Protein backbone atom coordinates (compact mmCIF):
# COMPACT_ATOMS: atom_id res chain seq x y z
CA UNK A 1 -86.55 -42.53 -48.10
CA UNK A 2 -86.62 -45.78 -46.11
CA UNK A 3 -88.72 -45.83 -42.97
CA UNK A 4 -87.79 -47.22 -39.57
CA UNK A 5 -88.10 -50.98 -39.45
CA UNK A 6 -86.46 -51.74 -36.10
CA UNK A 7 -88.31 -51.96 -32.79
CA UNK A 8 -86.81 -49.96 -29.92
CA UNK A 9 -85.56 -52.73 -27.65
CA UNK A 10 -85.81 -50.94 -24.29
CA UNK A 11 -89.10 -49.07 -24.53
CA UNK A 12 -89.74 -46.24 -22.09
CA UNK A 13 -90.21 -48.02 -18.76
CA UNK A 14 -89.22 -45.99 -15.69
CA UNK A 15 -86.03 -48.05 -15.32
CA UNK A 16 -85.02 -47.03 -18.84
CA UNK A 17 -85.73 -43.34 -18.32
CA UNK A 18 -83.92 -43.53 -14.96
CA UNK A 19 -80.79 -44.32 -16.94
CA UNK A 20 -81.45 -41.75 -19.65
CA UNK A 21 -82.07 -38.92 -17.20
CA UNK A 22 -78.61 -39.47 -15.69
CA UNK A 23 -76.96 -38.59 -18.99
CA UNK A 24 -75.40 -35.17 -19.49
CA UNK A 25 -73.33 -33.56 -22.20
CA UNK A 26 -70.30 -33.98 -19.91
CA UNK A 27 -70.67 -37.73 -19.33
CA UNK A 28 -72.15 -38.65 -22.71
CA UNK A 29 -71.01 -36.13 -25.35
CA UNK A 30 -67.64 -34.80 -24.20
CA UNK A 31 -66.07 -35.67 -27.58
CA UNK A 32 -68.47 -33.22 -29.26
CA UNK A 33 -68.17 -30.27 -26.89
CA UNK A 34 -65.04 -28.69 -28.45
CA UNK A 35 -67.00 -28.37 -31.72
CA UNK A 36 -69.82 -26.29 -30.21
CA UNK A 37 -70.08 -22.53 -30.50
CA UNK A 38 -72.71 -19.93 -29.51
CA UNK A 39 -75.10 -19.29 -32.37
CA UNK A 40 -74.97 -22.75 -33.97
CA UNK A 41 -78.12 -24.59 -35.01
CA UNK A 42 -78.05 -28.16 -33.69
CA UNK A 43 -80.22 -31.20 -34.38
CA UNK A 44 -80.41 -33.71 -31.51
CA UNK A 45 -81.63 -37.03 -32.92
CA UNK A 46 -83.27 -39.45 -30.49
CA UNK A 47 -83.23 -36.93 -27.67
CA UNK A 48 -85.07 -39.10 -25.12
CA UNK A 49 -85.95 -37.25 -21.91
CA UNK A 50 -83.78 -34.32 -22.96
CA UNK A 51 -81.05 -34.00 -20.34
CA UNK A 52 -78.25 -33.98 -22.92
CA UNK A 53 -80.40 -31.77 -25.15
CA UNK A 54 -80.74 -29.07 -22.51
CA UNK A 55 -76.98 -29.06 -21.92
CA UNK A 56 -76.28 -28.70 -25.64
CA UNK A 57 -78.85 -25.92 -25.92
CA UNK A 58 -77.07 -23.92 -23.23
CA UNK A 59 -73.79 -24.26 -25.12
CA UNK A 60 -75.07 -23.11 -28.53
CA UNK A 61 -77.40 -20.34 -27.31
CA UNK A 62 -78.52 -18.01 -28.86
CA UNK A 63 -78.54 -20.71 -31.53
CA UNK A 64 -81.41 -23.17 -31.67
CA UNK A 65 -81.57 -26.88 -30.84
CA UNK A 66 -84.14 -29.01 -32.62
CA UNK A 67 -84.77 -32.17 -30.57
CA UNK A 68 -86.45 -35.10 -32.28
CA UNK A 69 -87.52 -38.54 -31.14
CA UNK A 70 -89.80 -41.30 -32.40
CA UNK A 71 -91.91 -41.15 -29.20
CA UNK A 72 -94.25 -38.24 -28.51
CA UNK A 73 -94.48 -39.27 -24.87
CA UNK A 74 -90.76 -38.95 -24.23
CA UNK A 75 -90.73 -35.63 -26.10
CA UNK A 76 -93.26 -34.33 -23.60
CA UNK A 77 -90.85 -35.33 -20.83
CA UNK A 78 -87.99 -33.58 -22.62
CA UNK A 79 -90.07 -30.44 -23.08
CA UNK A 80 -90.88 -30.39 -19.35
CA UNK A 81 -87.19 -30.87 -18.52
CA UNK A 82 -86.15 -27.92 -20.70
CA UNK A 83 -88.87 -25.74 -19.21
CA UNK A 84 -87.81 -26.63 -15.66
CA UNK A 85 -84.23 -25.62 -16.46
CA UNK A 86 -85.28 -22.36 -18.07
CA UNK A 87 -83.97 -23.44 -21.48
CA UNK A 88 -85.99 -21.67 -24.16
CA UNK A 89 -84.00 -22.26 -27.36
CA UNK A 90 -85.19 -25.85 -27.98
CA UNK A 91 -87.99 -26.96 -30.27
CA UNK A 92 -89.33 -30.51 -30.32
CA UNK A 93 -90.73 -32.76 -33.05
CA UNK A 94 -91.52 -36.42 -33.71
CA UNK A 95 -89.21 -37.73 -36.41
CA UNK A 96 -87.76 -40.84 -38.06
CA UNK A 97 -84.00 -40.53 -38.53
CA UNK A 98 -84.26 -42.43 -41.82
CA UNK A 99 -86.51 -39.68 -43.26
CA UNK A 100 -85.91 -36.38 -41.49
CA UNK A 101 -88.47 -33.70 -42.34
CA UNK A 102 -85.92 -30.91 -42.78
CA UNK A 103 -84.40 -29.31 -45.87
CA UNK A 104 -80.85 -30.01 -46.94
CA UNK A 105 -78.15 -28.04 -45.09
CA UNK A 106 -80.37 -27.07 -42.15
CA UNK A 107 -77.99 -27.51 -39.19
CA UNK A 108 -74.42 -26.81 -38.18
CA UNK A 109 -74.27 -29.86 -35.88
CA UNK A 110 -76.24 -33.11 -36.02
CA UNK A 111 -75.92 -35.28 -32.91
CA UNK A 112 -77.17 -38.76 -31.98
CA UNK A 113 -76.46 -40.53 -28.70
CA UNK A 114 -77.26 -44.26 -28.35
CA UNK A 115 -79.44 -44.12 -31.46
CA UNK A 116 -77.73 -45.99 -34.28
CA UNK A 117 -77.68 -49.26 -32.34
CA UNK A 118 -81.48 -49.27 -32.36
CA UNK A 119 -82.33 -48.33 -35.96
CA UNK A 120 -83.03 -50.63 -38.87
CA UNK A 121 -80.56 -49.02 -41.29
CA UNK A 122 -77.80 -47.07 -39.54
CA UNK A 123 -76.08 -46.24 -42.84
CA UNK A 124 -79.25 -44.67 -44.24
CA UNK A 125 -79.69 -42.83 -40.94
CA UNK A 126 -76.18 -41.37 -41.20
CA UNK A 127 -76.85 -40.36 -44.80
CA UNK A 128 -79.91 -38.43 -43.65
CA UNK A 129 -77.95 -36.82 -40.84
CA UNK A 130 -75.33 -35.82 -43.44
CA UNK A 131 -77.99 -34.44 -45.80
CA UNK A 132 -79.39 -32.01 -43.22
CA UNK A 133 -75.93 -30.87 -42.04
CA UNK A 134 -74.47 -27.74 -43.60
CA UNK A 135 -71.11 -27.79 -45.41
CA UNK A 136 -68.43 -27.20 -42.80
CA UNK A 137 -70.62 -28.73 -40.11
CA UNK A 138 -70.23 -31.93 -38.15
CA UNK A 139 -72.27 -35.10 -37.64
CA UNK A 140 -71.59 -36.75 -34.28
CA UNK A 141 -72.67 -40.16 -33.00
CA UNK A 142 -71.88 -42.18 -29.88
CA UNK A 143 -73.04 -45.74 -29.20
CA UNK A 144 -72.31 -48.39 -26.63
CA UNK A 145 -70.87 -51.78 -27.55
CA UNK A 146 -72.71 -54.47 -25.58
CA UNK A 147 -70.39 -57.26 -26.65
CA UNK A 148 -67.50 -55.42 -24.99
CA UNK A 149 -69.21 -54.82 -21.63
CA UNK A 150 -66.85 -55.98 -18.88
CA UNK A 151 -67.43 -56.55 -15.17
CA UNK A 152 -65.92 -57.98 -12.02
CA UNK A 153 -66.42 -60.14 -10.05
CA UNK A 154 -67.46 -62.66 -12.65
CA UNK A 155 -71.13 -63.54 -12.34
CA UNK A 156 -71.72 -66.30 -14.90
CA UNK A 157 -75.44 -65.63 -15.16
CA UNK A 158 -74.62 -62.15 -16.45
CA UNK A 159 -72.77 -63.76 -19.36
CA UNK A 160 -76.06 -65.42 -20.27
CA UNK A 161 -77.89 -62.10 -19.80
CA UNK A 162 -75.44 -60.46 -22.23
CA UNK A 163 -76.02 -63.16 -24.85
CA UNK A 164 -79.79 -62.94 -24.55
CA UNK A 165 -79.82 -59.14 -24.68
CA UNK A 166 -77.76 -59.09 -27.89
CA UNK A 167 -80.00 -61.76 -29.43
CA UNK A 168 -83.15 -59.79 -28.59
CA UNK A 169 -81.72 -56.51 -29.89
CA UNK A 170 -80.78 -58.10 -33.21
CA UNK A 171 -84.17 -59.79 -33.49
CA UNK A 172 -85.70 -56.32 -33.09
CA UNK A 173 -83.67 -55.11 -36.07
CA UNK A 174 -80.86 -53.32 -34.21
CA UNK A 175 -77.15 -53.91 -33.66
CA UNK A 176 -76.11 -53.93 -29.98
CA UNK A 177 -72.39 -53.93 -30.81
CA UNK A 178 -72.76 -50.63 -32.66
CA UNK A 179 -69.80 -48.87 -31.07
CA UNK A 180 -67.20 -50.86 -33.02
CA UNK A 181 -69.11 -50.38 -36.30
CA UNK A 182 -69.56 -46.59 -36.33
CA UNK A 183 -66.54 -45.85 -38.54
CA UNK A 184 -67.58 -48.48 -41.07
CA UNK A 185 -71.16 -47.16 -41.16
CA UNK A 186 -69.93 -43.57 -41.58
CA UNK A 187 -67.69 -44.49 -44.50
CA UNK A 188 -70.53 -46.38 -46.18
CA UNK A 189 -72.73 -43.32 -45.66
CA UNK A 190 -70.29 -41.23 -47.72
CA UNK A 191 -68.22 -39.49 -45.06
CA UNK A 192 -64.53 -39.17 -45.87
CA UNK A 193 -63.35 -37.09 -42.89
CA UNK A 194 -64.12 -39.19 -39.82
CA UNK A 195 -62.47 -38.90 -36.41
CA UNK A 196 -63.03 -41.97 -34.23
CA UNK A 197 -62.63 -42.09 -30.46
CA UNK A 198 -63.77 -44.26 -27.58
CA UNK A 199 -64.77 -43.48 -24.01
CA UNK A 200 -66.34 -45.44 -21.20
CA UNK A 201 -68.79 -45.27 -18.37
CA UNK A 202 -67.48 -46.95 -15.23
CA UNK A 203 -69.58 -47.92 -12.21
CA UNK A 204 -67.54 -48.86 -9.15
CA UNK A 205 -68.59 -46.96 -6.02
CA UNK A 206 -71.31 -48.45 -3.81
CA UNK A 207 -73.73 -45.77 -5.00
CA UNK A 208 -72.89 -46.32 -8.68
CA UNK A 209 -73.18 -50.09 -8.36
CA UNK A 210 -76.54 -49.84 -6.61
CA UNK A 211 -77.90 -47.49 -9.27
CA UNK A 212 -76.57 -49.38 -12.31
CA UNK A 213 -77.45 -52.85 -11.06
CA UNK A 214 -80.85 -51.73 -9.85
CA UNK A 215 -81.96 -50.16 -13.09
CA UNK A 216 -80.80 -53.19 -15.09
CA UNK A 217 -82.43 -55.61 -12.67
CA UNK A 218 -85.70 -53.72 -13.08
CA UNK A 219 -85.33 -53.32 -16.84
CA UNK A 220 -84.63 -57.02 -17.26
CA UNK A 221 -87.91 -58.12 -15.68
CA UNK A 222 -90.33 -55.22 -16.18
CA UNK A 223 -89.56 -53.22 -19.34
CA UNK A 224 -90.57 -53.66 -22.97
CA UNK A 225 -87.30 -55.54 -23.38
CA UNK A 226 -88.60 -58.27 -21.04
CA UNK A 227 -91.80 -58.66 -23.06
CA UNK A 228 -89.92 -58.81 -26.35
CA UNK A 229 -87.43 -61.31 -24.98
CA UNK A 230 -90.20 -63.69 -23.91
CA UNK A 231 -92.66 -63.07 -26.74
CA UNK A 232 -89.88 -63.60 -29.27
CA UNK A 233 -89.04 -66.98 -27.76
CA UNK A 234 -85.54 -65.95 -26.71
CA UNK A 235 -85.90 -66.75 -23.01
CA UNK A 236 -88.45 -67.27 -20.23
CA UNK A 237 -89.83 -65.13 -17.43
CA UNK A 238 -88.10 -67.42 -14.96
CA UNK A 239 -84.76 -66.94 -16.66
CA UNK A 240 -85.24 -63.16 -16.73
CA UNK A 241 -85.87 -63.29 -12.99
CA UNK A 242 -82.55 -65.12 -12.57
CA UNK A 243 -80.85 -62.39 -14.62
CA UNK A 244 -82.37 -59.70 -12.43
CA UNK A 245 -81.19 -61.45 -9.28
CA UNK A 246 -77.70 -61.79 -10.78
CA UNK A 247 -77.62 -58.06 -11.42
CA UNK A 248 -78.44 -57.37 -7.77
CA UNK A 249 -75.83 -59.87 -6.57
CA UNK A 250 -73.19 -58.13 -8.64
CA UNK A 251 -74.33 -54.74 -7.32
CA UNK A 252 -73.82 -55.93 -3.74
CA UNK A 253 -70.21 -57.01 -4.35
CA UNK A 254 -67.77 -54.76 -2.47
CA UNK A 255 -65.21 -55.20 -5.26
CA UNK A 256 -67.80 -54.68 -7.99
CA UNK A 257 -66.71 -52.85 -11.16
CA UNK A 258 -68.53 -52.45 -14.47
CA UNK A 259 -67.32 -50.83 -17.70
CA UNK A 260 -69.51 -49.74 -20.61
CA UNK A 261 -67.36 -48.88 -23.67
CA UNK A 262 -68.59 -46.52 -26.37
CA UNK A 263 -67.50 -45.80 -29.90
CA UNK A 264 -67.69 -42.18 -31.06
CA UNK A 265 -67.45 -40.53 -34.47
CA UNK A 266 -67.10 -36.91 -35.56
CA UNK A 267 -67.84 -36.70 -39.28
CA UNK A 268 -67.04 -33.43 -41.05
CA UNK A 269 -69.28 -32.41 -43.91
């Protein structure tokens, strides 16, 4: 099996986990929820801090959720989150989605949220997800599409931020415009029954704008992304500071509105 070759663009800075901890099954996996039943075994690939994981575990109980991530540190956070919520049907393991350490036909549902955009070979990853999914099961994936991010009012510096982010993500081996490519990747991975949908996150209230702009302002100057952007020669610290300030200016706009579109696929095995 191939091994992971991409570098995770964001890293696990507090500003990154601040975003990840906001995610729930309702706001990030609604397309999957009608497929879930009590007693199913579910694999959550790239579980991060585990907020979606815990929601999924509650829905499939007494079935079991296996939550995997490439980072042991973030798995510890996810384990603590499940414990705090009293969720006891989740097990955790470090794993590479390109080479999952599970037998064929191990799970009824295999789920990945915001994962395929960061991996070196998303088609191989989907093949592995298909391999460990039982006949009659479903493989589900949802990814943002950075090239389709839209905001108002127009802040020209954010256009430059968008270009730099996409350049850095691709230099790290990922594909930031993954949302529009999910169907193509699934077909290349051998799926023939694929349902494609799209949903968005929208940040428009003062509280939403402050949260979204603040975490991106911090991520832009202080996360692993910032180091990789500069060390890779894609921009400068000074330019990143300008990007962070532009994020905060947008967040202070009374008419501010930001849309994050996502592609989604349900692939039946």
